[in-house]
């Protein structure tokens, strides 16, 4: 029984370590959104590639992004309107913090 738990724990550790290294290879975009209860999802768009992430507690992170200049879309829940940001530069292995994004009422 202990062997099964040890094997599972070892496998979990390996997966976490590999995902950490994979995450570091690409860049990321992170930030926060207010009001937090009206922010739903974040999208990073580069050419034909789109990466999405749910916004949890007002925070988001879009990871493992190729280097380039992205558009960022924050999907809002009515009565707030979606937010669009452009020219977000992502560099290899670096995190770009866009800071706090304020959603506006429609």
PDB file of N, CA and C in Angstrom:
ATOM      1  N   UNK A   1       0.808  -1.180   0.000  1.00  0.00           N
ATOM      2  CA  UNK A   1       0.000   0.000   0.000  1.00  0.00           C
ATOM      3  C   UNK A   1       0.867   1.266   0.000  1.00  0.00           C
ATOM      4  N   UNK A   2       1.912   1.269   0.841  1.00  0.00           N
ATOM      5  CA  UNK A   2       2.803   2.424   0.887  1.00  0.00           C
ATOM      6  C   UNK A   2       3.522   2.610  -0.439  1.00  0.00           C
ATOM      7  N   UNK A   3       3.823   1.506  -1.128  1.00  0.00           N
ATOM      8  CA  UNK A   3       4.507   1.585  -2.417  1.00  0.00           C
ATOM      9  C   UNK A   3       3.642   2.308  -3.441  1.00  0.00           C
ATOM     10  N   UNK A   4       2.338   2.060  -3.433  1.00  0.00           N
ATOM     11  CA  UNK A   4       1.430   2.728  -4.375  1.00  0.00           C
ATOM     12  C   UNK A   4       1.425   4.231  -4.130  1.00  0.00           C
ATOM     13  N   UNK A   5       1.357   4.636  -2.865  1.00  0.00           N
ATOM     14  CA  UNK A   5       1.370   6.058  -2.539  1.00  0.00           C
ATOM     15  C   UNK A   5       2.705   6.693  -2.914  1.00  0.00           C
ATOM     16  N   UNK A   6       3.788   5.995  -2.675  1.00  0.00           N
ATOM     17  CA  UNK A   6       5.105   6.505  -3.034  1.00  0.00           C
ATOM     18  C   UNK A   6       5.222   6.654  -4.544  1.00  0.00           C
ATOM     19  N   UNK A   7       4.780   5.639  -5.301  1.00  0.00           N
ATOM     20  CA  UNK A   7       4.820   5.708  -6.763  1.00  0.00           C
ATOM     21  C   UNK A   7       3.985   6.871  -7.286  1.00  0.00           C
ATOM     22  N   UNK A   8       2.801   7.039  -6.714  1.00  0.00           N
ATOM     23  CA  UNK A   8       1.932   8.134  -7.129  1.00  0.00           C
ATOM     24  C   UNK A   8       2.577   9.485  -6.821  1.00  0.00           C
ATOM     25  N   UNK A   9       3.127   9.623  -5.633  1.00  0.00           N
ATOM     26  CA  UNK A   9       3.776  10.874  -5.241  1.00  0.00           C
ATOM     27  C   UNK A   9       4.984  11.165  -6.125  1.00  0.00           C
ATOM     28  N   UNK A  10       5.764  10.143  -6.447  1.00  0.00           N
ATOM     29  CA  UNK A  10       6.928  10.332  -7.314  1.00  0.00           C
ATOM     30  C   UNK A  10       6.492  10.748  -8.709  1.00  0.00           C
ATOM     31  N   UNK A  11       5.445  10.120  -9.229  1.00  0.00           N
ATOM     32  CA  UNK A  11       4.956  10.463 -10.557  1.00  0.00           C
ATOM     33  C   UNK A  11       4.410  11.887 -10.580  1.00  0.00           C
ATOM     34  N   UNK A  12       3.688  12.271  -9.540  1.00  0.00           N
ATOM     35  CA  UNK A  12       3.157  13.621  -9.441  1.00  0.00           C
ATOM     36  C   UNK A  12       4.281  14.649  -9.394  1.00  0.00           C
ATOM     37  N   UNK A  13       5.319  14.358  -8.638  1.00  0.00           N
ATOM     38  CA  UNK A  13       6.466  15.258  -8.548  1.00  0.00           C
ATOM     39  C   UNK A  13       7.145  15.415  -9.903  1.00  0.00           C
ATOM     40  N   UNK A  14       7.309  14.348 -10.628  1.00  0.00           N
ATOM     41  CA  UNK A  14       7.935  14.404 -11.959  1.00  0.00           C
ATOM     42  C   UNK A  14       7.097  15.250 -12.908  1.00  0.00           C
ATOM     43  N   UNK A  15       5.782  15.053 -12.894  1.00  0.00           N
ATOM     44  CA  UNK A  15       4.902  15.835 -13.766  1.00  0.00           C
ATOM     45  C   UNK A  15       4.982  17.319 -13.423  1.00  0.00           C
ATOM     46  N   UNK A  16       4.974  17.646 -12.139  1.00  0.00           N
ATOM     47  CA  UNK A  16       5.071  19.044 -11.730  1.00  0.00           C
ATOM     48  C   UNK A  16       6.396  19.668 -12.135  1.00  0.00           C
ATOM     49  N   UNK A  17       7.473  18.940 -11.971  1.00  0.00           N
ATOM     50  CA  UNK A  17       8.784  19.471 -12.357  1.00  0.00           C
ATOM     51  C   UNK A  17       8.878  19.669 -13.867  1.00  0.00           C
ATOM     52  N   UNK A  18       8.390  18.709 -14.628  1.00  0.00           N
ATOM     53  CA  UNK A  18       8.424  18.847 -16.087  1.00  0.00           C
ATOM     54  C   UNK A  18       7.559  20.001 -16.562  1.00  0.00           C
ATOM     55  N   UNK A  19       6.384  20.182 -15.947  1.00  0.00           N
ATOM     56  CA  UNK A  19       5.529  21.289 -16.354  1.00  0.00           C
ATOM     57  C   UNK A  19       6.154  22.627 -15.961  1.00  0.00           C
ATOM     58  N   UNK A  20       6.871  22.666 -14.854  1.00  0.00           N
ATOM     59  CA  UNK A  20       7.550  23.909 -14.456  1.00  0.00           C
ATOM     60  C   UNK A  20       8.624  24.280 -15.465  1.00  0.00           C
ATOM     61  N   UNK A  21       9.373  23.305 -15.943  1.00  0.00           N
ATOM     62  CA  UNK A  21      10.392  23.596 -16.945  1.00  0.00           C
ATOM     63  C   UNK A  21       9.758  23.981 -18.271  1.00  0.00           C
ATOM     64  N   UNK A  22       8.680  23.345 -18.640  1.00  0.00           N
ATOM     65  CA  UNK A  22       7.992  23.682 -19.888  1.00  0.00           C
ATOM     66  C   UNK A  22       7.437  25.093 -19.819  1.00  0.00           C
ATOM     67  N   UNK A  23       6.903  25.478 -18.656  1.00  0.00           N
ATOM     68  CA  UNK A  23       6.337  26.802 -18.482  1.00  0.00           C
ATOM     69  C   UNK A  23       7.409  27.880 -18.607  1.00  0.00           C
ATOM     70  N   UNK A  24       8.610  27.590 -18.149  1.00  0.00           N
ATOM     71  CA  UNK A  24       9.679  28.575 -18.189  1.00  0.00           C
ATOM     72  C   UNK A  24      10.207  28.802 -19.598  1.00  0.00           C
ATOM     73  N   UNK A  25      10.015  27.860 -20.499  1.00  0.00           N
ATOM     74  CA  UNK A  25      10.508  28.025 -21.863  1.00  0.00           C
ATOM     75  C   UNK A  25       9.784  29.123 -22.602  1.00  0.00           C
ATOM     76  N   UNK A  26       8.476  29.248 -22.392  1.00  0.00           N
ATOM     77  CA  UNK A  26       7.712  30.299 -23.035  1.00  0.00           C
ATOM     78  C   UNK A  26       7.621  31.498 -22.123  1.00  0.00           C
ATOM     79  N   UNK A  27       6.997  32.544 -22.634  1.00  0.00           N
ATOM     80  CA  UNK A  27       6.746  33.714 -21.819  1.00  0.00           C
ATOM     81  C   UNK A  27       5.348  33.637 -21.237  1.00  0.00           C
ATOM     82  N   UNK A  28       4.950  34.672 -20.518  1.00  0.00           N
ATOM     83  CA  UNK A  28       3.610  34.700 -19.946  1.00  0.00           C
ATOM     84  C   UNK A  28       3.112  36.139 -19.846  1.00  0.00           C
ATOM     85  N   UNK A  29       1.792  36.241 -19.739  1.00  0.00           N
ATOM     86  CA  UNK A  29       1.128  37.515 -19.469  1.00  0.00           C
ATOM     87  C   UNK A  29       0.303  37.308 -18.213  1.00  0.00           C
ATOM     88  N   UNK A  30       0.457  38.226 -17.259  1.00  0.00           N
ATOM     89  CA  UNK A  30      -0.333  38.119 -16.033  1.00  0.00           C
ATOM     90  C   UNK A  30      -0.881  39.481 -15.661  1.00  0.00           C
ATOM     91  N   UNK A  31      -1.906  39.466 -14.825  1.00  0.00           N
ATOM     92  CA  UNK A  31      -2.497  40.714 -14.380  1.00  0.00           C
ATOM     93  C   UNK A  31      -3.690  40.451 -13.499  1.00  0.00           C
ATOM     94  N   UNK A  32      -4.406  41.517 -13.180  1.00  0.00           N
ATOM     95  CA  UNK A  32      -5.611  41.408 -12.367  1.00  0.00           C
ATOM     96  C   UNK A  32      -6.702  42.273 -12.990  1.00  0.00           C
ATOM     97  N   UNK A  33      -7.942  41.953 -12.635  1.00  0.00           N
ATOM     98  CA  UNK A  33      -9.097  42.640 -13.202  1.00  0.00           C
ATOM     99  C   UNK A  33     -10.035  43.042 -12.078  1.00  0.00           C
ATOM    100  N   UNK A  34     -10.581  44.265 -12.164  1.00  0.00           N
ATOM    101  CA  UNK A  34     -11.598  44.720 -11.223  1.00  0.00           C
ATOM    102  C   UNK A  34     -12.772  45.286 -11.997  1.00  0.00           C
ATOM    103  N   UNK A  35     -13.980  45.085 -11.537  1.00  0.00           N
ATOM    104  CA  UNK A  35     -14.376  44.313 -10.372  1.00  0.00           C
ATOM    105  C   UNK A  35     -14.220  42.813 -10.629  1.00  0.00           C
ATOM    106  N   UNK A  36     -13.741  42.105  -9.621  1.00  0.00           N
ATOM    107  CA  UNK A  36     -13.399  40.699  -9.796  1.00  0.00           C
ATOM    108  C   UNK A  36     -14.605  39.826 -10.107  1.00  0.00           C
ATOM    109  N   UNK A  37     -15.771  40.188  -9.606  1.00  0.00           N
ATOM    110  CA  UNK A  37     -16.944  39.342  -9.823  1.00  0.00           C
ATOM    111  C   UNK A  37     -17.499  39.451 -11.247  1.00  0.00           C
ATOM    112  N   UNK A  38     -17.015  40.401 -12.035  1.00  0.00           N
ATOM    113  CA  UNK A  38     -17.502  40.555 -13.405  1.00  0.00           C
ATOM    114  C   UNK A  38     -16.449  40.222 -14.447  1.00  0.00           C
ATOM    115  N   UNK A  39     -15.333  39.659 -14.035  1.00  0.00           N
ATOM    116  CA  UNK A  39     -14.285  39.223 -14.968  1.00  0.00           C
ATOM    117  C   UNK A  39     -14.390  37.718 -15.130  1.00  0.00           C
ATOM    118  N   UNK A  40     -14.416  37.247 -16.381  1.00  0.00           N
ATOM    119  CA  UNK A  40     -14.652  35.831 -16.627  1.00  0.00           C
ATOM    120  C   UNK A  40     -13.434  35.104 -17.178  1.00  0.00           C
ATOM    121  N   UNK A  41     -12.893  35.579 -18.308  1.00  0.00           N
ATOM    122  CA  UNK A  41     -11.804  34.856 -18.968  1.00  0.00           C
ATOM    123  C   UNK A  41     -10.874  35.846 -19.665  1.00  0.00           C
ATOM    124  N   UNK A  42      -9.598  35.436 -19.804  1.00  0.00           N
ATOM    125  CA  UNK A  42      -8.601  36.244 -20.513  1.00  0.00           C
ATOM    126  C   UNK A  42      -8.118  35.463 -21.734  1.00  0.00           C
ATOM    127  N   UNK A  43      -7.918  36.182 -22.835  1.00  0.00           N
ATOM    128  CA  UNK A  43      -7.426  35.596 -24.076  1.00  0.00           C
ATOM    129  C   UNK A  43      -6.194  36.356 -24.542  1.00  0.00           C
ATOM    130  N   UNK A  44      -5.154  35.636 -24.946  1.00  0.00           N
ATOM    131  CA  UNK A  44      -3.972  36.230 -25.565  1.00  0.00           C
ATOM    132  C   UNK A  44      -3.960  35.763 -27.018  1.00  0.00           C
ATOM    133  N   UNK A  45      -3.842  36.714 -27.946  1.00  0.00           N
ATOM    134  CA  UNK A  45      -3.915  36.392 -29.375  1.00  0.00           C
ATOM    135  C   UNK A  45      -2.642  36.864 -30.058  1.00  0.00           C
ATOM    136  N   UNK A  46      -2.024  35.935 -30.784  1.00  0.00           N
ATOM    137  CA  UNK A  46      -0.848  36.228 -31.606  1.00  0.00           C
ATOM    138  C   UNK A  46      -1.069  35.545 -32.949  1.00  0.00           C
ATOM    139  N   UNK A  47      -1.236  36.332 -33.983  1.00  0.00           N
ATOM    140  CA  UNK A  47      -1.542  35.808 -35.324  1.00  0.00           C
ATOM    141  C   UNK A  47      -2.767  34.897 -35.245  1.00  0.00           C
ATOM    142  N   UNK A  48      -2.601  33.613 -35.554  1.00  0.00           N
ATOM    143  CA  UNK A  48      -3.731  32.676 -35.525  1.00  0.00           C
ATOM    144  C   UNK A  48      -3.787  31.874 -34.226  1.00  0.00           C
ATOM    145  N   UNK A  49      -2.856  32.122 -33.297  1.00  0.00           N
ATOM    146  CA  UNK A  49      -2.822  31.408 -32.021  1.00  0.00           C
ATOM    147  C   UNK A  49      -3.629  32.165 -30.967  1.00  0.00           C
ATOM    148  N   UNK A  50      -4.461  31.433 -30.237  1.00  0.00           N
ATOM    149  CA  UNK A  50      -5.226  32.011 -29.135  1.00  0.00           C
ATOM    150  C   UNK A  50      -5.067  31.122 -27.903  1.00  0.00           C
ATOM    151  N   UNK A  51      -4.652  31.733 -26.802  1.00  0.00           N
ATOM    152  CA  UNK A  51      -4.515  31.043 -25.525  1.00  0.00           C
ATOM    153  C   UNK A  51      -5.535  31.663 -24.585  1.00  0.00           C
ATOM    154  N   UNK A  52      -6.236  30.836 -23.798  1.00  0.00           N
ATOM    155  CA  UNK A  52      -7.217  31.376 -22.863  1.00  0.00           C
ATOM    156  C   UNK A  52      -6.958  30.865 -21.453  1.00  0.00           C
ATOM    157  N   UNK A  53      -7.440  31.652 -20.500  1.00  0.00           N
ATOM    158  CA  UNK A  53      -7.309  31.290 -19.085  1.00  0.00           C
ATOM    159  C   UNK A  53      -8.489  31.878 -18.333  1.00  0.00           C
ATOM    160  N   UNK A  54      -9.032  31.126 -17.413  1.00  0.00           N
ATOM    161  CA  UNK A  54     -10.087  31.661 -16.554  1.00  0.00           C
ATOM    162  C   UNK A  54      -9.488  32.681 -15.597  1.00  0.00           C
ATOM    163  N   UNK A  55     -10.298  33.638 -15.226  1.00  0.00           N
ATOM    164  CA  UNK A  55      -9.884  34.641 -14.242  1.00  0.00           C
ATOM    165  C   UNK A  55     -10.424  34.189 -12.886  1.00  0.00           C
ATOM    166  N   UNK A  56      -9.525  33.978 -11.953  1.00  0.00           N
ATOM    167  CA  UNK A  56      -9.898  33.454 -10.632  1.00  0.00           C
ATOM    168  C   UNK A  56      -9.513  34.475  -9.573  1.00  0.00           C
ATOM    169  N   UNK A  57     -10.492  34.894  -8.812  1.00  0.00           N
ATOM    170  CA  UNK A  57     -10.224  35.882  -7.768  1.00  0.00           C
ATOM    171  C   UNK A  57      -9.697  37.188  -8.317  1.00  0.00           C
ATOM    172  N   UNK A  58     -10.054  37.484  -9.565  1.00  0.00           N
ATOM    173  CA  UNK A  58      -9.606  38.712 -10.206  1.00  0.00           C
ATOM    174  C   UNK A  58      -8.237  38.626 -10.850  1.00  0.00           C
ATOM    175  N   UNK A  59      -7.564  37.478 -10.750  1.00  0.00           N
ATOM    176  CA  UNK A  59      -6.210  37.321 -11.297  1.00  0.00           C
ATOM    177  C   UNK A  59      -6.195  36.335 -12.456  1.00  0.00           C
ATOM    178  N   UNK A  60      -5.265  36.559 -13.385  1.00  0.00           N
ATOM    179  CA  UNK A  60      -5.096  35.632 -14.494  1.00  0.00           C
ATOM    180  C   UNK A  60      -3.621  35.510 -14.853  1.00  0.00           C
ATOM    181  N   UNK A  61      -3.296  34.391 -15.469  1.00  0.00           N
ATOM    182  CA  UNK A  61      -1.965  34.192 -16.037  1.00  0.00           C
ATOM    183  C   UNK A  61      -2.128  33.340 -17.290  1.00  0.00           C
ATOM    184  N   UNK A  62      -1.571  33.828 -18.365  1.00  0.00           N
ATOM    185  CA  UNK A  62      -1.563  33.121 -19.639  1.00  0.00           C
ATOM    186  C   UNK A  62      -0.123  32.698 -19.868  1.00  0.00           C
ATOM    187  N   UNK A  63       0.132  31.397 -19.788  1.00  0.00           N
ATOM    188  CA  UNK A  63       1.505  30.923 -19.820  1.00  0.00           C
ATOM    189  C   UNK A  63       1.871  30.148 -21.064  1.00  0.00           C
ATOM    190  N   UNK A  64       3.155  29.861 -21.160  1.00  0.00           N
ATOM    191  CA  UNK A  64       3.756  29.109 -22.261  1.00  0.00           C
ATOM    192  C   UNK A  64       3.481  29.767 -23.600  1.00  0.00           C
ATOM    193  N   UNK A  65       3.665  31.089 -23.646  1.00  0.00           N
ATOM    194  CA  UNK A  65       3.415  31.857 -24.861  1.00  0.00           C
ATOM    195  C   UNK A  65       4.692  32.001 -25.678  1.00  0.00           C
ATOM    196  N   UNK A  66       4.535  31.933 -26.986  1.00  0.00           N
ATOM    197  CA  UNK A  66       5.663  32.193 -27.882  1.00  0.00           C
ATOM    198  C   UNK A  66       6.029  33.676 -27.795  1.00  0.00           C
ATOM    199  N   UNK A  67       7.276  34.014 -28.000  1.00  0.00           N
ATOM    200  CA  UNK A  67       7.645  35.430 -28.026  1.00  0.00           C
ATOM    201  C   UNK A  67       6.899  36.156 -29.139  1.00  0.00           C
ATOM    202  N   UNK A  68       6.497  37.378 -28.869  1.00  0.00           N
ATOM    203  CA  UNK A  68       5.802  38.174 -29.868  1.00  0.00           C
ATOM    204  C   UNK A  68       4.986  39.273 -29.222  1.00  0.00           C
ATOM    205  N   UNK A  69       4.220  39.976 -30.062  1.00  0.00           N
ATOM    206  CA  UNK A  69       3.373  41.066 -29.600  1.00  0.00           C
ATOM    207  C   UNK A  69       1.923  40.606 -29.657  1.00  0.00           C
ATOM    208  N   UNK A  70       1.297  40.550 -28.503  1.00  0.00           N
ATOM    209  CA  UNK A  70      -0.032  39.971 -28.346  1.00  0.00           C
ATOM    210  C   UNK A  70      -1.116  41.021 -28.190  1.00  0.00           C
ATOM    211  N   UNK A  71      -2.340  40.597 -28.513  1.00  0.00           N
ATOM    212  CA  UNK A  71      -3.540  41.317 -28.128  1.00  0.00           C
ATOM    213  C   UNK A  71      -4.093  40.575 -26.913  1.00  0.00           C
ATOM    214  N   UNK A  72      -4.655  41.301 -25.976  1.00  0.00           N
ATOM    215  CA  UNK A  72      -5.247  40.709 -24.787  1.00  0.00           C
ATOM    216  C   UNK A  72      -6.708  41.111 -24.728  1.00  0.00           C
ATOM    217  N   UNK A  73      -7.561  40.120 -24.528  1.00  0.00           N
ATOM    218  CA  UNK A  73      -8.991  40.378 -24.386  1.00  0.00           C
ATOM    219  C   UNK A  73      -9.421  39.854 -23.018  1.00  0.00           C
ATOM    220  N   UNK A  74     -10.094  40.710 -22.271  1.00  0.00           N
ATOM    221  CA  UNK A  74     -10.681  40.310 -21.000  1.00  0.00           C
ATOM    222  C   UNK A  74     -12.182  40.190 -21.246  1.00  0.00           C
ATOM    223  N   UNK A  75     -12.689  38.976 -21.085  1.00  0.00           N
ATOM    224  CA  UNK A  75     -14.118  38.721 -21.278  1.00  0.00           C
ATOM    225  C   UNK A  75     -14.843  39.079 -19.987  1.00  0.00           C
ATOM    226  N   UNK A  76     -15.790  40.006 -20.099  1.00  0.00           N
ATOM    227  CA  UNK A  76     -16.509  40.507 -18.930  1.00  0.00           C
ATOM    228  C   UNK A  76     -17.923  39.943 -18.885  1.00  0.00           C
ATOM    229  N   UNK A  77     -18.484  39.952 -17.698  1.00  0.00           N
ATOM    230  CA  UNK A  77     -19.864  39.543 -17.481  1.00  0.00           C
ATOM    231  C   UNK A  77     -20.706  40.812 -17.396  1.00  0.00           C
ATOM    232  N   UNK A  78     -21.803  40.863 -18.154  1.00  0.00           N
ATOM    233  CA  UNK A  78     -22.664  42.056 -18.117  1.00  0.00           C
ATOM    234  C   UNK A  78     -23.062  42.399 -16.691  1.00  0.00           C
ATOM    235  N   UNK A  79     -23.182  43.665 -16.406  1.00  0.00           N
ATOM    236  CA  UNK A  79     -23.335  44.800 -17.308  1.00  0.00           C
ATOM    237  C   UNK A  79     -22.008  45.458 -17.711  1.00  0.00           C
ATOM    238  N   UNK A  80     -20.885  44.770 -17.528  1.00  0.00           N
ATOM    239  CA  UNK A  80     -19.584  45.323 -17.902  1.00  0.00           C
ATOM    240  C   UNK A  80     -19.237  44.932 -19.327  1.00  0.00           C
ATOM    241  N   UNK A  81     -18.369  45.725 -19.951  1.00  0.00           N
ATOM    242  CA  UNK A  81     -17.960  45.454 -21.332  1.00  0.00           C
ATOM    243  C   UNK A  81     -16.581  44.819 -21.382  1.00  0.00           C
ATOM    244  N   UNK A  82     -16.352  44.035 -22.417  1.00  0.00           N
ATOM    245  CA  UNK A  82     -15.057  43.390 -22.612  1.00  0.00           C
ATOM    246  C   UNK A  82     -13.967  44.468 -22.738  1.00  0.00           C
ATOM    247  N   UNK A  83     -12.778  44.097 -22.359  1.00  0.00           N
ATOM    248  CA  UNK A  83     -11.642  45.024 -22.432  1.00  0.00           C
ATOM    249  C   UNK A  83     -10.632  44.483 -23.431  1.00  0.00           C
ATOM    250  N   UNK A  84     -10.121  45.341 -24.314  1.00  0.00           N
ATOM    251  CA  UNK A  84      -9.151  44.964 -25.338  1.00  0.00           C
ATOM    252  C   UNK A  84      -7.868  45.762 -25.132  1.00  0.00           C
ATOM    253  N   UNK A  85      -6.741  45.056 -25.061  1.00  0.00           N
ATOM    254  CA  UNK A  85      -5.437  45.709 -24.970  1.00  0.00           C
ATOM    255  C   UNK A  85      -4.583  45.207 -26.127  1.00  0.00           C
ATOM    256  N   UNK A  86      -3.741  46.071 -26.659  1.00  0.00           N
ATOM    257  CA  UNK A  86      -2.890  45.698 -27.789  1.00  0.00           C
ATOM    258  C   UNK A  86      -1.429  45.946 -27.446  1.00  0.00           C
ATOM    259  N   UNK A  87      -0.584  45.437 -28.304  1.00  0.00           N
ATOM    260  CA  UNK A  87       0.869  45.676 -28.223  1.00  0.00           C
ATOM    261  C   UNK A  87       1.484  45.205 -26.912  1.00  0.00           C
ATOM    262  N   UNK A  88       1.100  44.010 -26.460  1.00  0.00           N
ATOM    263  CA  UNK A  88       1.673  43.443 -25.238  1.00  0.00           C
ATOM    264  C   UNK A  88       2.838  42.553 -25.642  1.00  0.00           C
ATOM    265  N   UNK A  89       4.029  42.990 -25.328  1.00  0.00           N
ATOM    266  CA  UNK A  89       5.249  42.298 -25.735  1.00  0.00           C
ATOM    267  C   UNK A  89       5.572  41.161 -24.766  1.00  0.00           C
ATOM    268  N   UNK A  90       5.740  39.964 -25.326  1.00  0.00           N
ATOM    269  CA  UNK A  90       6.119  38.794 -24.552  1.00  0.00           C
ATOM    270  C   UNK A  90       7.487  38.334 -25.028  1.00  0.00           C
ATOM    271  N   UNK A  91       8.407  38.173 -24.085  1.00  0.00           N
ATOM    272  CA  UNK A  91       9.761  37.703 -24.398  1.00  0.00           C
ATOM    273  C   UNK A  91       9.953  36.289 -23.871  1.00  0.00           C
ATOM    274  N   UNK A  92      10.851  35.561 -24.502  1.00  0.00           N
ATOM    275  CA  UNK A  92      11.144  34.178 -24.129  1.00  0.00           C
ATOM    276  C   UNK A  92      11.535  34.077 -22.660  1.00  0.00           C
ATOM    277  N   UNK A  93      10.825  33.240 -21.900  1.00  0.00           N
ATOM    278  CA  UNK A  93      11.170  32.984 -20.509  1.00  0.00           C
ATOM    279  C   UNK A  93      10.862  34.109 -19.543  1.00  0.00           C
ATOM    280  N   UNK A  94      10.146  35.156 -19.993  1.00  0.00           N
ATOM    281  CA  UNK A  94       9.840  36.286 -19.121  1.00  0.00           C
ATOM    282  C   UNK A  94       8.339  36.430 -18.930  1.00  0.00           C
ATOM    283  N   UNK A  95       7.953  37.042 -17.811  1.00  0.00           N
ATOM    284  CA  UNK A  95       6.552  37.302 -17.521  1.00  0.00           C
ATOM    285  C   UNK A  95       6.268  38.791 -17.713  1.00  0.00           C
ATOM    286  N   UNK A  96       5.232  39.085 -18.494  1.00  0.00           N
ATOM    287  CA  UNK A  96       4.813  40.462 -18.716  1.00  0.00           C
ATOM    288  C   UNK A  96       3.609  40.744 -17.828  1.00  0.00           C
ATOM    289  N   UNK A  97       3.758  41.680 -16.911  1.00  0.00           N
ATOM    290  CA  UNK A  97       2.676  42.038 -16.007  1.00  0.00           C
ATOM    291  C   UNK A  97       1.953  43.260 -16.560  1.00  0.00           C
ATOM    292  N   UNK A  98       0.656  43.085 -16.887  1.00  0.00           N
ATOM    293  CA  UNK A  98      -0.122  44.199 -17.430  1.00  0.00           C
ATOM    294  C   UNK A  98      -0.794  45.002 -16.327  1.00  0.00           C
ATOM    295  N   UNK A  99      -0.580  44.602 -15.072  1.00  0.00           N
ATOM    296  CA  UNK A  99      -1.121  45.345 -13.941  1.00  0.00           C
ATOM    297  C   UNK A  99      -2.615  45.130 -13.763  1.00  0.00           C
ATOM    298  N   UNK A 100      -3.272  46.126 -13.160  1.00  0.00           N
ATOM    299  CA  UNK A 100      -4.700  46.034 -12.876  1.00  0.00           C
ATOM    300  C   UNK A 100      -5.500  46.608 -14.042  1.00  0.00           C
ATOM    301  N   UNK A 101      -6.462  45.839 -14.515  1.00  0.00           N
ATOM    302  CA  UNK A 101      -7.315  46.243 -15.624  1.00  0.00           C
ATOM    303  C   UNK A 101      -8.694  46.557 -15.066  1.00  0.00           C
ATOM    304  N   UNK A 102      -9.177  47.763 -15.332  1.00  0.00           N
ATOM    305  CA  UNK A 102     -10.464  48.211 -14.838  1.00  0.00           C
ATOM    306  C   UNK A 102     -11.521  47.971 -15.906  1.00  0.00           C
ATOM    307  N   UNK A 103     -12.553  47.184 -15.583  1.00  0.00           N
ATOM    308  CA  UNK A 103     -13.662  46.977 -16.498  1.00  0.00           C
ATOM    309  C   UNK A 103     -14.617  48.154 -16.388  1.00  0.00           C
ATOM    310  N   UNK A 104     -15.241  48.524 -17.516  1.00  0.00           N
ATOM    311  CA  UNK A 104     -16.171  49.647 -17.555  1.00  0.00           C
ATOM    312  C   UNK A 104     -17.582  49.146 -17.811  1.00  0.00           C
ATOM    313  N   UNK A 105     -18.552  49.842 -17.282  1.00  0.00           N
ATOM    314  CA  UNK A 105     -19.954  49.515 -17.533  1.00  0.00           C
ATOM    315  C   UNK A 105     -20.308  49.819 -18.973  1.00  0.00           C
ATOM    316  N   UNK A 106     -21.251  49.045 -19.514  1.00  0.00           N
ATOM    317  CA  UNK A 106     -21.721  49.292 -20.890  1.00  0.00           C
ATOM    318  C   UNK A 106     -22.508  50.572 -20.938  1.00  0.00           C
TER     319      UNK A 106
END
